[in-house]
C-alpha atoms as a PDB file:
ATOM      1  CA  MET A   1      43.096 -43.070  28.804  1.00  0.00           C
ATOM      2  CA  LYS A   2      42.844 -41.826  32.398  1.00  0.00           C
ATOM      3  CA  THR A   3      42.867 -44.472  34.961  1.00  0.00           C
ATOM      4  CA  PRO A   4      39.425 -44.554  36.715  1.00  0.00           C
ATOM      5  CA  LEU A   5      39.400 -43.597  40.420  1.00  0.00           C
ATOM      6  CA  THR A   6      38.605 -46.344  42.728  1.00  0.00           C
ATOM      7  CA  VAL A   7      35.492 -45.590  45.050  1.00  0.00           C
ATOM      8  CA  LEU A   8      34.152 -47.452  48.024  1.00  0.00           C
ATOM      9  CA  ILE A   9      30.535 -46.539  49.255  1.00  0.00           C
ATOM     10  CA  ILE A  10      29.641 -47.885  52.603  1.00  0.00           C
ATOM     11  CA  ASP A  11      25.947 -47.393  53.262  1.00  0.00           C
ATOM     12  CA  ASP A  12      23.263 -49.742  54.587  1.00  0.00           C
ATOM     13  CA  GLU A  13      20.743 -48.226  52.380  1.00  0.00           C
ATOM     14  CA  THR A  14      21.673 -50.413  49.180  1.00  0.00           C
ATOM     15  CA  ALA A  15      19.168 -48.551  46.889  1.00  0.00           C
ATOM     16  CA  PHE A  16      20.930 -45.504  47.549  1.00  0.00           C
ATOM     17  CA  SER A  17      24.419 -46.814  47.066  1.00  0.00           C
ATOM     18  CA  SER A  18      23.130 -48.705  44.045  1.00  0.00           C
ATOM     19  CA  ILE A  19      22.024 -45.567  42.259  1.00  0.00           C
ATOM     20  CA  LEU A  20      25.416 -43.582  43.198  1.00  0.00           C
ATOM     21  CA  SER A  21      27.303 -46.515  41.872  1.00  0.00           C
ATOM     22  CA  LEU A  22      25.692 -46.777  38.659  1.00  0.00           C
ATOM     23  CA  ASP A  23      25.628 -42.774  38.085  1.00  0.00           C
ATOM     24  CA  LEU A  24      29.473 -42.705  38.707  1.00  0.00           C
ATOM     25  CA  GLN A  25      30.289 -45.651  36.761  1.00  0.00           C
ATOM     26  CA  SER A  26      28.286 -44.528  33.678  1.00  0.00           C
ATOM     27  CA  ASP A  27      31.169 -42.421  32.134  1.00  0.00           C
ATOM     28  CA  GLY A  28      33.864 -44.794  32.860  1.00  0.00           C
ATOM     29  CA  LEU A  29      35.815 -42.173  35.207  1.00  0.00           C
ATOM     30  CA  TYR A  30      35.085 -44.201  38.481  1.00  0.00           C
ATOM     31  CA  ASP A  31      35.297 -47.747  39.393  1.00  0.00           C
ATOM     32  CA  VAL A  32      32.846 -48.442  42.361  1.00  0.00           C
ATOM     33  CA  ARG A  33      32.425 -50.793  45.029  1.00  0.00           C
ATOM     34  CA  THR A  34      29.665 -50.857  47.614  1.00  0.00           C
ATOM     35  CA  ALA A  35      29.447 -52.383  51.049  1.00  0.00           C
ATOM     36  CA  SER A  36      26.123 -52.240  53.036  1.00  0.00           C
ATOM     37  CA  SER A  37      27.859 -52.456  56.889  1.00  0.00           C
ATOM     38  CA  GLY A  38      31.014 -50.999  58.398  1.00  0.00           C
ATOM     39  CA  GLU A  39      32.354 -54.588  58.848  1.00  0.00           C
ATOM     40  CA  GLN A  40      32.149 -55.486  55.080  1.00  0.00           C
ATOM     41  CA  GLY A  41      33.606 -52.123  54.151  1.00  0.00           C
ATOM     42  CA  ILE A  42      36.782 -52.584  56.544  1.00  0.00           C
ATOM     43  CA  GLU A  43      37.087 -56.482  54.665  1.00  0.00           C
ATOM     44  CA  LEU A  44      37.194 -54.659  51.618  1.00  0.00           C
ATOM     45  CA  MET A  45      39.618 -51.936  52.697  1.00  0.00           C
ATOM     46  CA  LYS A  46      41.948 -54.652  54.273  1.00  0.00           C
ATOM     47  CA  SER A  47      42.020 -56.448  50.766  1.00  0.00           C
ATOM     48  CA  GLU A  48      41.834 -53.476  48.121  1.00  0.00           C
ATOM     49  CA  ARG A  49      42.958 -50.115  47.969  1.00  0.00           C
ATOM     50  CA  PHE A  50      40.683 -47.233  47.303  1.00  0.00           C
ATOM     51  CA  ASP A  51      41.257 -43.702  46.180  1.00  0.00           C
ATOM     52  CA  ILE A  52      37.942 -42.370  47.792  1.00  0.00           C
ATOM     53  CA  LEU A  53      35.530 -43.568  50.530  1.00  0.00           C
ATOM     54  CA  LEU A  54      31.880 -42.243  50.773  1.00  0.00           C
ATOM     55  CA  LEU A  55      30.830 -43.267  54.200  1.00  0.00           C
ATOM     56  CA  ASP A  56      27.690 -42.975  55.833  1.00  0.00           C
ATOM     57  CA  TYR A  57      27.002 -42.845  59.771  1.00  0.00           C
ATOM     58  CA  HIS A  58      24.435 -45.444  60.178  1.00  0.00           C
ATOM     59  CA  ILE A  59      25.954 -48.637  58.726  1.00  0.00           C
ATOM     60  CA  GLY A  60      24.380 -51.646  60.513  1.00  0.00           C
ATOM     61  CA  THR A  61      25.925 -52.521  63.820  1.00  0.00           C
ATOM     62  CA  MET A  62      28.748 -50.037  63.272  1.00  0.00           C
ATOM     63  CA  THR A  63      28.789 -46.315  62.712  1.00  0.00           C
ATOM     64  CA  GLY A  64      30.790 -44.255  60.263  1.00  0.00           C
ATOM     65  CA  LEU A  65      32.866 -42.820  63.256  1.00  0.00           C
ATOM     66  CA  GLN A  66      33.825 -46.215  64.254  1.00  0.00           C
ATOM     67  CA  VAL A  67      35.265 -46.979  60.583  1.00  0.00           C
ATOM     68  CA  LEU A  68      36.956 -43.737  60.904  1.00  0.00           C
ATOM     69  CA  GLU A  69      38.697 -44.835  64.013  1.00  0.00           C
ATOM     70  CA  TRP A  70      39.467 -48.156  62.800  1.00  0.00           C
ATOM     71  CA  MET A  71      41.125 -46.400  59.595  1.00  0.00           C
ATOM     72  CA  ASN A  72      43.235 -44.110  61.906  1.00  0.00           C
ATOM     73  CA  GLU A  73      44.354 -47.421  63.910  1.00  0.00           C
ATOM     74  CA  VAL A  74      45.717 -48.988  60.747  1.00  0.00           C
ATOM     75  CA  GLN A  75      46.905 -45.575  59.493  1.00  0.00           C
ATOM     76  CA  SER A  76      44.725 -45.745  56.406  1.00  0.00           C
ATOM     77  CA  ASP A  77      45.227 -42.613  54.188  1.00  0.00           C
ATOM     78  CA  THR A  78      42.303 -43.089  52.230  1.00  0.00           C
ATOM     79  CA  PRO A  79      40.346 -39.761  51.839  1.00  0.00           C
ATOM     80  CA  VAL A  80      36.806 -39.828  53.298  1.00  0.00           C
ATOM     81  CA  VAL A  81      33.548 -38.164  52.471  1.00  0.00           C
ATOM     82  CA  MET A  82      31.122 -38.287  55.364  1.00  0.00           C
ATOM     83  CA  LEU A  83      27.454 -38.659  54.631  1.00  0.00           C
ATOM     84  CA  THR A  84      25.130 -37.187  56.997  1.00  0.00           C
ATOM     85  CA  ALA A  85      21.602 -36.425  57.427  1.00  0.00           C
ATOM     86  CA  ALA A  86      19.662 -33.354  58.743  1.00  0.00           C
ATOM     87  CA  GLY A  87      20.351 -32.518  62.481  1.00  0.00           C
ATOM     88  CA  THR A  88      23.794 -34.356  62.554  1.00  0.00           C
ATOM     89  CA  GLU A  89      26.271 -31.307  62.395  1.00  0.00           C
ATOM     90  CA  GLU A  90      27.984 -32.870  65.550  1.00  0.00           C
ATOM     91  CA  ILE A  91      28.564 -35.973  63.546  1.00  0.00           C
ATOM     92  CA  ALA A  92      30.210 -34.379  60.721  1.00  0.00           C
ATOM     93  CA  VAL A  93      32.211 -32.077  63.032  1.00  0.00           C
ATOM     94  CA  ASN A  94      33.445 -35.455  64.800  1.00  0.00           C
ATOM     95  CA  ALA A  95      34.097 -36.963  61.360  1.00  0.00           C
ATOM     96  CA  MET A  96      36.455 -34.153  60.393  1.00  0.00           C
ATOM     97  CA  LYS A  97      38.062 -34.368  63.658  1.00  0.00           C
ATOM     98  CA  LEU A  98      38.913 -38.179  62.991  1.00  0.00           C
ATOM     99  CA  GLY A  99      40.237 -37.210  59.539  1.00  0.00           C
ATOM    100  CA  ALA A 100      37.334 -36.953  57.032  1.00  0.00           C
ATOM    101  CA  TYR A 101      38.308 -34.685  54.262  1.00  0.00           C
ATOM    102  CA  ASP A 102      34.429 -33.435  53.817  1.00  0.00           C
ATOM    103  CA  TYR A 103      30.919 -34.300  54.288  1.00  0.00           C
ATOM    104  CA  ILE A 104      27.788 -33.630  52.676  1.00  0.00           C
ATOM    105  CA  ARG A 105      24.144 -34.036  53.660  1.00  0.00           C
ATOM    106  CA  LYS A 106      22.506 -36.976  52.093  1.00  0.00           C
ATOM    107  CA  GLU A 107      19.158 -35.188  51.307  1.00  0.00           C
ATOM    108  CA  ARG A 108      21.211 -32.386  49.477  1.00  0.00           C
ATOM    109  CA  LEU A 109      23.394 -34.611  47.253  1.00  0.00           C
ATOM    110  CA  GLU A 110      22.981 -33.987  43.555  1.00  0.00           C
ATOM    111  CA  LEU A 111      24.304 -36.554  41.395  1.00  0.00           C
ATOM    112  CA  SER A 112      25.651 -34.030  39.031  1.00  0.00           C
ATOM    113  CA  HIS A 113      27.498 -32.324  41.805  1.00  0.00           C
ATOM    114  CA  LEU A 114      29.028 -35.755  43.093  1.00  0.00           C
ATOM    115  CA  PRO A 115      32.089 -35.880  40.673  1.00  0.00           C
ATOM    116  CA  ILE A 116      33.132 -32.493  41.455  1.00  0.00           C
ATOM    117  CA  LEU A 117      33.093 -33.284  45.299  1.00  0.00           C
ATOM    118  CA  ILE A 118      35.048 -36.569  44.685  1.00  0.00           C
ATOM    119  CA  ASN A 119      37.691 -35.085  42.156  1.00  0.00           C
ATOM    120  CA  GLY A 120      38.001 -31.991  44.783  1.00  0.00           C
ATOM    121  CA  VAL A 121      38.695 -34.217  47.547  1.00  0.00           C
ATOM    122  CA  TYR A 122      41.152 -36.212  45.919  1.00  0.00           C
ATOM    123  CA  GLU A 123      43.015 -33.325  44.601  1.00  0.00           C
ATOM    124  CA  ARG A 124      43.172 -32.124  47.985  1.00  0.00           C
ATOM    125  CA  TYR A 125      44.383 -35.563  49.007  1.00  0.00           C
ATOM    126  CA  LEU A 126      47.199 -35.488  46.489  1.00  0.00           C
ATOM    127  CA  PHE A 127      48.235 -31.975  47.525  1.00  0.00           C
ATOM    128  CA  ARG A 128      48.367 -33.149  51.238  1.00  0.00           C
ATOM    129  CA  GLN A 129      50.383 -36.477  50.169  1.00  0.00           C
ATOM    130  CA  GLU A 130      52.874 -34.121  48.250  1.00  0.00           C
ATOM    131  CA  MET A 131      53.356 -31.758  51.190  1.00  0.00           C
ATOM    132  CA  LYS A 132      53.733 -34.913  53.638  1.00  0.00           C
ATOM    133  CA  ALA A 133      56.563 -36.125  51.019  1.00  0.00           C
ATOM    134  CA  ARG A 134      58.291 -32.808  50.873  1.00  0.00           C
ATOM    135  CA  GLU A 135      58.171 -32.578  54.601  1.00  0.00           C
ATOM    136  CA  ARG A 136      59.716 -35.935  55.035  1.00  0.00           C
ATOM    137  CA  ALA A 137      62.278 -35.435  52.517  1.00  0.00           C
ATOM    138  CA  ARG A 138      63.155 -32.006  54.389  1.00  0.00           C
ATOM    139  CA  LEU A 139      63.477 -33.736  57.665  1.00  0.00           C
ATOM    140  CA  GLU A 140      65.798 -36.510  55.956  1.00  0.00           C
ATOM    141  CA  GLU A 141      67.711 -33.695  54.530  1.00  0.00           C
ATOM    142  CA  GLU A 142      68.147 -31.936  58.008  1.00  0.00           C
ATOM    143  CA  LYS A 143      69.124 -35.327  59.446  1.00  0.00           C
ATOM    144  CA  HIS A 144      71.527 -36.081  56.909  1.00  0.00           C
ATOM    145  CA  GLN A 145      73.149 -32.640  56.963  1.00  0.00           C
ATOM    146  CA  ALA A 146      73.431 -32.987  60.976  1.00  0.00           C
ATOM    147  CA  ALA A 147      75.079 -36.240  60.662  1.00  0.00           C
ATOM    148  CA  VAL A 148      77.445 -35.182  57.872  1.00  0.00           C
ATOM    149  CA  GLN A 149      78.286 -32.056  60.035  1.00  0.00           C
ATOM    150  CA  MET A 150      78.871 -34.235  62.939  1.00  0.00           C
ATOM    151  CA  PHE A 151      81.263 -36.443  60.836  1.00  0.00           C
ATOM    152  CA  GLN A 152      83.195 -33.286  59.591  1.00  0.00           C
ATOM    153  CA  THR A 153      83.535 -31.798  63.198  1.00  0.00           C
ATOM    154  CA  THR A 154      84.522 -35.300  64.465  1.00  0.00           C
ATOM    155  CA  VAL A 155      87.368 -35.691  61.776  1.00  0.00           C
ATOM    156  CA  ARG A 156      88.514 -32.093  62.167  1.00  0.00           C
ATOM    157  CA  THR A 157      88.941 -32.755  65.992  1.00  0.00           C
ATOM    158  CA  ILE A 158      90.811 -36.101  65.525  1.00  0.00           C
ATOM    159  CA  ALA A 159      92.768 -34.136  62.901  1.00  0.00           C
ATOM    160  CA  HIS A 160      93.773 -31.362  65.111  1.00  0.00           C
ATOM    161  CA  HIS A 161      94.964 -33.621  67.999  1.00  0.00           C
ATOM    162  CA  VAL A 162      96.817 -35.818  65.485  1.00  0.00           C
ATOM    163  CA  ASN A 163      98.542 -33.105  63.675  1.00  0.00           C
ATOM    164  CA  ASN A 164      99.464 -31.593  66.975  1.00  0.00           C
ATOM    165  CA  ALA A 165     101.002 -34.726  68.123  1.00  0.00           C
ATOM    166  CA  LEU A 166     102.903 -35.027  64.760  1.00  0.00           C
ATOM    167  CA  ALA A 167     104.181 -31.627  65.063  1.00  0.00           C
ATOM    168  CA  ILE A 168     105.744 -32.291  68.392  1.00  0.00           C
ATOM    169  CA  ILE A 169     107.332 -35.681  67.020  1.00  0.00           C
ATOM    170  CA  MET A 170     108.765 -33.911  63.945  1.00  0.00           C
ATOM    171  CA  LEU A 171     110.121 -31.061  66.484  1.00  0.00           C
ATOM    172  CA  ARG A 172     111.434 -33.526  68.689  1.00  0.00           C
ATOM    173  CA  SER A 173     112.951 -35.766  65.961  1.00  0.00           C
ATOM    174  CA  SER A 174     114.934 -32.731  64.670  1.00  0.00           C
ATOM    175  CA  SER A 175     116.204 -31.756  68.144  1.00  0.00           C
ATOM    176  CA  TYR A 176     117.356 -35.643  68.696  1.00  0.00           C
ATOM    177  CA  GLU A 177     119.045 -35.501  65.252  1.00  0.00           C
ATOM    178  CA  ARG A 178     121.230 -32.478  66.123  1.00  0.00           C
ATOM    179  CA  MET A 179     121.811 -33.930  69.683  1.00  0.00           C
ATOM    180  CA  VAL A 180     123.096 -37.023  68.068  1.00  0.00           C
ATOM    181  CA  LYS A 181     125.216 -35.695  65.609  1.00  0.00           C
ATOM    182  CA  LYS A 182     127.073 -33.662  68.357  1.00  0.00           C
ATOM    183  CA  THR A 183     127.483 -36.421  70.925  1.00  0.00           C
ATOM    184  CA  LEU A 184     127.881 -39.642  69.104  1.00  0.00           C
ATOM    185  CA  ASP A 185     130.522 -41.037  66.616  1.00  0.00           C
ATOM    186  CA  PRO A 186     129.467 -40.947  62.975  1.00  0.00           C
ATOM    187  CA  GLU A 187     128.984 -44.485  62.694  1.00  0.00           C
ATOM    188  CA  THR A 188     126.595 -44.762  65.711  1.00  0.00           C
ATOM    189  CA  ALA A 189     124.894 -41.306  64.976  1.00  0.00           C
ATOM    190  CA  GLY A 190     123.981 -42.525  61.463  1.00  0.00           C
ATOM    191  CA  GLN A 191     122.058 -45.449  62.797  1.00  0.00           C
ATOM    192  CA  PHE A 192     120.099 -43.273  64.854  1.00  0.00           C
ATOM    193  CA  ILE A 193     119.807 -40.449  62.303  1.00  0.00           C
ATOM    194  CA  GLN A 194     118.254 -43.290  59.938  1.00  0.00           C
ATOM    195  CA  LEU A 195     115.850 -44.234  62.476  1.00  0.00           C
ATOM    196  CA  ILE A 196     114.812 -40.537  63.115  1.00  0.00           C
ATOM    197  CA  ALA A 197     114.351 -40.338  59.318  1.00  0.00           C
ATOM    198  CA  ASP A 198     112.144 -43.213  59.147  1.00  0.00           C
ATOM    199  CA  LEU A 199     110.078 -41.882  62.177  1.00  0.00           C
ATOM    200  CA  LYS A 200     109.638 -38.678  60.097  1.00  0.00           C
ATOM    201  CA  GLY A 201     108.546 -40.761  57.146  1.00  0.00           C
ATOM    202  CA  GLN A 202     105.987 -42.509  59.230  1.00  0.00           C
ATOM    203  CA  ALA A 203     104.752 -39.156  60.663  1.00  0.00           C
ATOM    204  CA  SER A 204     104.486 -37.650  57.077  1.00  0.00           C
ATOM    205  CA  VAL A 205     102.499 -40.455  55.955  1.00  0.00           C
ATOM    206  CA  ILE A 206     100.174 -40.216  58.855  1.00  0.00           C
ATOM    207  CA  GLU A 207      99.892 -36.466  58.251  1.00  0.00           C
ATOM    208  CA  SER A 208      98.969 -37.016  54.475  1.00  0.00           C
ATOM    209  CA  VAL A 209      96.329 -39.635  55.547  1.00  0.00           C
ATOM    210  CA  VAL A 210      94.693 -37.150  58.043  1.00  0.00           C
ATOM    211  CA  ARG A 211      94.713 -34.385  55.434  1.00  0.00           C
ATOM    212  CA  SER A 212      92.990 -36.681  52.987  1.00  0.00           C
ATOM    213  CA  LEU A 213      90.336 -37.572  55.641  1.00  0.00           C
ATOM    214  CA  VAL A 214      89.699 -33.672  56.190  1.00  0.00           C
ATOM    215  CA  GLU A 215      89.382 -33.120  52.515  1.00  0.00           C
ATOM    216  CA  LEU A 216      86.972 -36.089  52.154  1.00  0.00           C
ATOM    217  CA  SER A 217      84.933 -34.972  55.165  1.00  0.00           C
ATOM    218  CA  ASN A 218      84.820 -31.231  53.376  1.00  0.00           C
ATOM    219  CA  VAL A 219      83.632 -32.916  50.016  1.00  0.00           C
ATOM    220  CA  VAL A 220      80.792 -34.823  51.917  1.00  0.00           C
ATOM    221  CA  TYR A 221      79.729 -31.728  53.685  1.00  0.00           C
ATOM    222  CA  THR A 222      79.421 -29.143  50.911  1.00  0.00           C
ATOM    223  CA  ASN A 223      77.994 -31.652  48.416  1.00  0.00           C
ATOM    224  CA  TYR A 224      79.059 -29.027  45.598  1.00  0.00           C
ATOM    225  CA  VAL A 225      81.675 -31.246  43.884  1.00  0.00           C
ATOM    226  CA  THR A 226      81.563 -33.907  41.323  1.00  0.00           C
ATOM    227  CA  ASP A 227      81.745 -37.579  41.793  1.00  0.00           C
ATOM    228  CA  GLN A 228      85.228 -37.609  40.195  1.00  0.00           C
ATOM    229  CA  ASN A 229      86.526 -35.231  42.925  1.00  0.00           C
ATOM    230  CA  ILE A 230      85.354 -37.833  45.411  1.00  0.00           C
ATOM    231  CA  ILE A 231      87.119 -40.634  43.467  1.00  0.00           C
ATOM    232  CA  ASP A 232      90.338 -38.671  43.100  1.00  0.00           C
ATOM    233  CA  ILE A 233      90.376 -37.937  46.960  1.00  0.00           C
ATOM    234  CA  ARG A 234      89.473 -41.628  47.643  1.00  0.00           C
ATOM    235  CA  LYS A 235      92.469 -42.901  45.572  1.00  0.00           C
ATOM    236  CA  GLU A 236      94.731 -40.469  47.376  1.00  0.00           C
ATOM    237  CA  LEU A 237      93.548 -41.774  50.812  1.00  0.00           C
ATOM    238  CA  GLU A 238      93.893 -45.332  49.621  1.00  0.00           C
ATOM    239  CA  LYS A 239      97.432 -44.459  48.141  1.00  0.00           C
ATOM    240  CA  ASN A 240      98.537 -43.140  51.573  1.00  0.00           C
ATOM    241  CA  LEU A 241      96.960 -45.819  53.480  1.00  0.00           C
ATOM    242  CA  LYS A 242      98.969 -48.211  51.464  1.00  0.00           C
ATOM    243  CA  MET A 243     102.063 -46.371  52.071  1.00  0.00           C
ATOM    244  CA  MET A 244     101.551 -46.597  55.649  1.00  0.00           C
ATOM    245  CA  GLU A 245     100.915 -50.196  55.503  1.00  0.00           C
ATOM    246  CA  ASP A 246     103.958 -50.868  53.418  1.00  0.00           C
ATOM    247  CA  GLN A 247     106.120 -48.930  55.805  1.00  0.00           C
ATOM    248  CA  GLN A 248     104.753 -50.682  58.751  1.00  0.00           C
ATOM    249  CA  LYS A 249     105.874 -53.886  57.085  1.00  0.00           C
ATOM    250  CA  VAL A 250     109.208 -52.790  56.365  1.00  0.00           C
ATOM    251  CA  ALA A 251     109.685 -51.680  59.898  1.00  0.00           C
ATOM    252  CA  VAL A 252     108.545 -55.159  61.434  1.00  0.00           C
END
């Protein structure tokens, strides 16, 4: 069974609001509460959630516009139908500016038409909520993409500088190795050559780690891979980091 829409009627004419309440609740499609003043209506909205608010302009010491202003202050998104009287078109316009979804002249209100009005307003409310949710999701996705792109750019920049430094280390290591072989006796040269080999090994491990980081940033950026791809790259990265740690321990 469809859940009834909860309706709050704020009107200081209790006879009028009672008639609306009884008629709306007669078919079980609406659960109606009434309030005879703006203050009473606000207290109800503080403690309960309503799907639709039918709001009169003259409601005791407050006006319907003041209730709308309060709803804006507390960021209440309950859709409002303003009840107006003849000659109060300006009030209806101001109510719409304050966020009311619709308005209707009380003397022209037909009970048979009221459910159509309420349902139409609620459907518009749901549509707006869906559009807002989509917009929030779009903005979040844009923020996510910007952050990921910044991460990828940063990783690539770091990798570029590290790889350049590693290339220089490897070239100089090879140059020193040739020079050592030419100028030192075999025993002494062998010690230096081993040190150079260790240095090259460390450089290779660093290069592997950097490559894994770049691959991981590419995976995060594209989002077109499976979870298993990410797991495999993460394992490779962890393995390379472990190799680096082990070599550092041996060097110490």
